[in-house]
Amino acid sequence: MKQLQISQLDKAFDKQVIFNQASYTFDQGKIYGLLGRNGSGKSTLFNMIARNIPLDHGEIRIDADDGRGLQSSYPDIDVGMVYTQPHLPAFMTGAEFVKFFVEINSRRLAAIHTSQNPRDFLDMAGLSEADGNKLLRDYSEGMRNKLQMVVSLMLKPPVLLLDEPLTTVDVVAAHEMQQMIVQMKTDSVVVFSTHIMQLAQDICDAVVLLHNHGLEELTGLDIHSQAFEDEVIARLTDEVTADA
C-alpha cells in the first residue's frame, strides 16, 4: 500500500509560521480533503510535497509498493499535481499535446500497462475529434482542467495532489472531474485541497484540517452530517480567535 508520511514539519516565511511540528499519514485508497482558511498553507504544503519549495525542518516520505517491496527513495518518486489553473501549452492543439505527452512518457505508460493511443486520452476527457484539433488556448476552463486531470490519471502517480481543481469549472465539468478523482484513489494517495465544505463532503473519505499550524483529521462524526460541518467551522473559527 502506498503512503504519504509527513513528520514534524516546520515551515515559515520570514516571521510568519505556516507549519509547526505538523505530522500526518495519508493512505492509498482514500480521498483526503484538505480544508483550511485562506492563507493557512494548503498550496505551501502541496509545493513542499512536490519538492518545489524546501522544508525548514521535518521529513516528507513516500512509501510506494513497486511490486518487490516498499521503496522510499523520495527524490525519485513522481508526485502528480493538478492545479487550479492548468499548465498546458497554449500553442498546441489538444491532439498535439496528448501525442507529445504519450511520446515522452511511453516507457512509463508501457510499464503500468496504460494505453498509448492519444485518442483514448481525448475520449476519457470527453473531447471530440474536432476538440482535439483546436488550440489549447481556445479550450474552455473545464476542457483544459479535464485534459490536465486525464493525463495525471493515466500516469498513476503514487501521490496525486489536487489544488482546488474544481474552483473555476462549470457544473457538468465538475461532475465529470469528480468521477475521475474517485477512480484515482485505487492507484494513488489522493489529497484534494479545497475551501468549499460541500465539495469536501461530497467527494472525500476523510477531512484533514490545517489547524493551529498543524494537520488534524476530524474523526468521530459522519462526514456528511451537519454536526461535522459545525465542528469544522468551530475549529477554524477558534483558530482565528486564538490568533487575534
Protein backbone atom coordinates (compact mmCIF):
# COMPACT_ATOMS: atom_id res chain seq x y z
CA MET A 1 0.00 0.00 0.00
CA LYS A 2 1.22 3.49 -0.82
CA GLN A 3 1.57 6.10 1.91
CA LEU A 4 2.48 9.77 2.16
CA GLN A 5 4.04 10.43 5.57
CA ILE A 6 4.61 13.91 6.97
CA SER A 7 6.61 14.11 10.19
CA GLN A 8 7.33 17.12 12.43
CA LEU A 9 7.13 19.54 9.53
CA ASP A 10 8.12 23.17 10.10
CA LYS A 11 7.76 25.98 7.58
CA ALA A 12 7.80 29.75 7.94
CA PHE A 13 8.12 32.71 5.61
CA ASP A 14 10.07 35.48 7.33
CA LYS A 15 8.37 35.55 10.74
CA GLN A 16 5.05 34.07 9.62
CA VAL A 17 4.75 30.49 10.84
CA ILE A 18 2.83 28.24 8.43
CA PHE A 19 3.56 24.80 9.93
CA ASN A 20 4.90 23.92 13.36
CA GLN A 21 5.66 20.24 14.05
CA ALA A 22 2.90 19.12 11.68
CA SER A 23 2.55 15.35 11.26
CA TYR A 24 0.08 13.15 9.40
CA THR A 25 0.00 9.96 7.27
CA PHE A 26 -2.14 9.76 4.12
CA ASP A 27 -3.00 6.25 2.82
CA GLN A 28 -3.81 4.90 -0.63
CA GLY A 29 -7.48 4.06 -1.16
CA LYS A 30 -8.96 7.24 0.31
CA ILE A 31 -9.59 10.74 -0.95
CA TYR A 32 -8.43 13.22 1.67
CA GLY A 33 -9.93 16.68 1.75
CA LEU A 34 -7.51 19.35 2.94
CA LEU A 35 -9.52 22.17 4.49
CA GLY A 36 -8.29 25.43 5.93
CA ARG A 37 -8.82 29.14 5.82
CA ASN A 38 -7.24 31.26 3.10
CA GLY A 39 -3.54 31.59 3.79
CA SER A 40 -3.42 28.54 6.06
CA GLY A 41 -0.82 26.80 3.90
CA LYS A 42 -2.66 24.40 1.57
CA SER A 43 -0.67 25.37 -1.52
CA THR A 44 2.53 25.63 0.52
CA LEU A 45 2.10 22.06 1.75
CA PHE A 46 1.50 20.80 -1.78
CA ASN A 47 4.57 22.60 -3.08
CA MET A 48 6.73 21.08 -0.34
CA ILE A 49 5.43 17.58 -1.10
CA ALA A 50 6.10 18.17 -4.81
CA ARG A 51 9.63 19.38 -3.96
CA ASN A 52 9.01 22.85 -5.39
CA ILE A 53 9.96 24.61 -2.14
CA PRO A 54 12.18 23.39 0.72
CA LEU A 55 11.14 22.34 4.22
CA ASP A 56 12.57 24.26 7.17
CA HIS A 57 12.55 21.13 9.33
CA GLY A 58 10.98 17.69 9.41
CA GLU A 59 10.50 14.94 6.86
CA ILE A 60 8.23 14.05 3.97
CA ARG A 61 8.35 10.40 2.97
CA ILE A 62 6.52 8.43 0.29
CA ASP A 63 6.28 4.65 0.57
CA ALA A 64 5.33 3.18 -2.79
CA ASP A 65 4.97 -0.55 -3.40
CA ASP A 66 6.84 -1.31 -6.62
CA GLY A 67 5.84 -4.99 -6.61
CA ARG A 68 9.09 -6.04 -4.93
CA GLY A 69 8.51 -4.46 -1.55
CA LEU A 70 8.50 -0.92 -0.20
CA GLN A 71 10.81 1.61 -1.74
CA SER A 72 11.13 5.04 -0.22
CA SER A 73 13.63 6.96 -2.32
CA TYR A 74 11.53 10.10 -2.13
CA PRO A 75 13.52 12.19 -4.67
CA ASP A 76 12.95 9.51 -7.31
CA ILE A 77 9.20 9.17 -6.81
CA ASP A 78 6.86 11.09 -9.07
CA VAL A 79 4.27 13.32 -7.45
CA GLY A 80 1.29 14.20 -9.63
CA MET A 81 -0.06 17.73 -9.33
CA VAL A 82 -3.31 19.12 -10.73
CA TYR A 83 -3.51 22.90 -10.50
CA THR A 84 -6.43 25.31 -10.21
CA GLN A 85 -5.20 26.91 -13.44
CA PRO A 86 -4.00 24.18 -15.85
CA HIS A 87 -0.40 24.46 -17.06
CA LEU A 88 -0.87 23.43 -20.69
CA PRO A 89 0.96 24.74 -23.80
CA ALA A 90 -1.43 27.21 -25.43
CA PHE A 91 0.27 26.94 -28.84
CA MET A 92 -0.54 23.21 -29.21
CA THR A 93 -3.80 21.59 -30.20
CA GLY A 94 -5.33 19.12 -27.78
CA ALA A 95 -4.33 16.22 -30.03
CA GLU A 96 -0.75 17.51 -30.38
CA PHE A 97 -0.38 17.89 -26.63
CA VAL A 98 -1.66 14.38 -25.92
CA LYS A 99 0.59 12.90 -28.64
CA PHE A 100 3.59 14.72 -27.15
CA PHE A 101 2.64 13.59 -23.65
CA VAL A 102 2.37 9.95 -24.75
CA GLU A 103 5.73 10.09 -26.56
CA ILE A 104 7.70 11.50 -23.62
CA ASN A 105 6.05 9.07 -21.18
CA SER A 106 5.95 5.98 -23.42
CA ARG A 107 8.15 3.81 -21.19
CA ARG A 108 6.23 4.66 -18.07
CA LEU A 109 2.86 4.14 -19.73
CA ALA A 110 4.02 0.76 -21.03
CA ALA A 111 5.31 -0.24 -17.58
CA ILE A 112 1.93 0.39 -15.97
CA HIS A 113 0.04 -1.14 -18.90
CA THR A 114 -1.72 2.10 -19.78
CA SER A 115 -2.95 2.84 -23.30
CA GLN A 116 -0.59 4.82 -25.52
CA ASN A 117 -3.28 5.71 -28.03
CA PRO A 118 -3.75 9.52 -27.90
CA ARG A 119 -7.39 9.13 -28.91
CA ASP A 120 -8.08 7.22 -25.69
CA PHE A 121 -6.88 10.20 -23.64
CA LEU A 122 -9.13 12.59 -25.55
CA ASP A 123 -12.10 10.23 -25.23
CA MET A 124 -11.58 9.96 -21.49
CA ALA A 125 -11.62 13.76 -21.24
CA GLY A 126 -14.86 13.83 -23.26
CA LEU A 127 -13.20 15.68 -26.15
CA SER A 128 -14.35 15.09 -29.72
CA GLU A 129 -12.11 14.87 -32.77
CA ALA A 130 -12.99 18.49 -33.54
CA ASP A 131 -12.00 19.47 -29.99
CA GLY A 132 -8.69 17.67 -30.46
CA ASN A 133 -7.91 19.87 -33.46
CA LYS A 134 -8.45 23.11 -31.52
CA LEU A 135 -5.60 25.05 -29.94
CA LEU A 136 -5.49 24.64 -26.17
CA ARG A 137 -5.73 28.41 -25.76
CA ASP A 138 -9.22 28.15 -27.28
CA TYR A 139 -10.37 25.48 -24.82
CA SER A 140 -12.78 26.38 -22.05
CA GLU A 141 -11.51 26.25 -18.48
CA GLY A 142 -13.39 22.99 -17.96
CA MET A 143 -11.89 21.36 -21.06
CA ARG A 144 -8.35 22.30 -20.01
CA ASN A 145 -8.93 21.07 -16.46
CA LYS A 146 -10.32 17.73 -17.64
CA LEU A 147 -7.41 17.17 -20.02
CA GLN A 148 -4.90 18.04 -17.29
CA MET A 149 -6.60 15.59 -14.93
CA VAL A 150 -6.78 12.79 -17.50
CA VAL A 151 -3.04 12.83 -18.21
CA SER A 152 -2.38 12.79 -14.46
CA LEU A 153 -4.74 9.85 -14.02
CA MET A 154 -3.17 7.85 -16.84
CA LEU A 155 0.30 8.08 -15.26
CA LYS A 156 -0.96 6.61 -11.97
CA PRO A 157 1.48 8.52 -9.73
CA PRO A 158 1.94 7.15 -6.19
CA VAL A 159 0.78 10.52 -4.82
CA LEU A 160 -1.67 12.84 -6.54
CA LEU A 161 -2.23 16.37 -5.25
CA LEU A 162 -5.24 18.33 -6.47
CA ASP A 163 -5.03 22.05 -5.69
CA GLU A 164 -8.63 23.29 -5.89
CA PRO A 165 -9.10 21.90 -9.44
CA LEU A 166 -12.88 22.37 -9.49
CA THR A 167 -12.98 26.01 -8.46
CA THR A 168 -13.28 27.52 -11.95
CA VAL A 169 -15.27 24.90 -13.89
CA ASP A 170 -18.99 24.62 -14.62
CA VAL A 171 -21.37 22.13 -13.00
CA VAL A 172 -21.12 19.47 -15.74
CA ALA A 173 -17.32 19.58 -15.94
CA ALA A 174 -17.09 19.49 -12.13
CA HIS A 175 -19.26 16.35 -12.01
CA GLU A 176 -17.14 14.61 -14.66
CA MET A 177 -13.93 15.54 -12.88
CA GLN A 178 -15.28 14.27 -9.56
CA GLN A 179 -15.81 10.86 -11.17
CA MET A 180 -12.19 10.89 -12.37
CA ILE A 181 -10.93 11.76 -8.90
CA VAL A 182 -12.83 8.84 -7.37
CA GLN A 183 -11.09 6.49 -9.85
CA MET A 184 -7.68 7.83 -8.87
CA LYS A 185 -7.77 6.60 -5.27
CA THR A 186 -7.49 2.99 -6.45
CA ASP A 187 -3.87 3.53 -7.54
CA SER A 188 -2.74 6.63 -5.66
CA VAL A 189 -2.70 8.55 -2.42
CA VAL A 190 -5.11 11.38 -3.30
CA VAL A 191 -5.12 14.69 -1.42
CA PHE A 192 -7.70 17.23 -2.51
CA SER A 193 -7.34 20.86 -1.45
CA THR A 194 -10.50 22.95 -1.24
CA HIS A 195 -12.10 25.73 0.74
CA ILE A 196 -15.62 24.57 -0.18
CA MET A 197 -17.18 22.48 2.60
CA GLN A 198 -19.88 20.89 0.44
CA LEU A 199 -17.34 19.71 -2.11
CA ALA A 200 -15.23 18.06 0.59
CA GLN A 201 -18.31 16.31 1.97
CA ASP A 202 -19.39 15.12 -1.49
CA ILE A 203 -16.13 13.59 -2.65
CA CYS A 204 -13.80 12.91 0.29
CA ASP A 205 -13.44 9.89 2.56
CA ALA A 206 -11.63 11.86 5.26
CA VAL A 207 -11.04 15.53 6.02
CA VAL A 208 -7.78 16.93 7.37
CA LEU A 209 -7.79 20.45 8.78
CA LEU A 210 -4.90 22.87 8.56
CA HIS A 211 -5.42 23.97 12.13
CA ASN A 212 -3.12 25.84 14.52
CA HIS A 213 -0.14 25.31 12.18
CA GLY A 214 -0.69 21.54 12.16
CA LEU A 215 -2.56 18.77 10.32
CA GLU A 216 -5.55 17.38 12.17
CA GLU A 217 -8.03 14.75 10.93
CA LEU A 218 -11.60 15.30 12.05
CA THR A 219 -12.87 11.92 13.27
CA GLY A 220 -15.86 10.56 15.15
CA LEU A 221 -18.51 12.33 13.09
CA ASP A 222 -20.33 11.43 9.87
CA ILE A 223 -18.60 13.48 7.18
CA HIS A 224 -21.98 14.21 5.55
CA SER A 225 -23.67 15.44 8.74
CA GLN A 226 -24.45 18.96 9.86
CA ALA A 227 -22.58 18.19 13.08
CA PHE A 228 -19.42 17.57 11.05
CA GLU A 229 -19.79 20.88 9.23
CA ASP A 230 -20.44 22.70 12.50
CA GLU A 231 -17.32 21.17 14.07
CA VAL A 232 -15.10 22.19 11.14
CA ILE A 233 -16.35 25.77 11.31
CA ALA A 234 -15.96 25.85 15.09
CA ARG A 235 -12.35 24.68 14.98
CA LEU A 236 -11.33 27.04 12.21
CA THR A 237 -13.14 29.93 13.90
CA ASP A 238 -11.39 29.08 17.16
CA GLU A 239 -8.05 29.32 15.34
CA VAL A 240 -8.88 32.84 14.12
CA THR A 241 -9.91 33.87 17.65
CA ALA A 242 -6.66 32.50 19.08
CA ASP A 243 -4.60 34.44 16.53
CA ALA A 244 -6.48 37.70 17.07
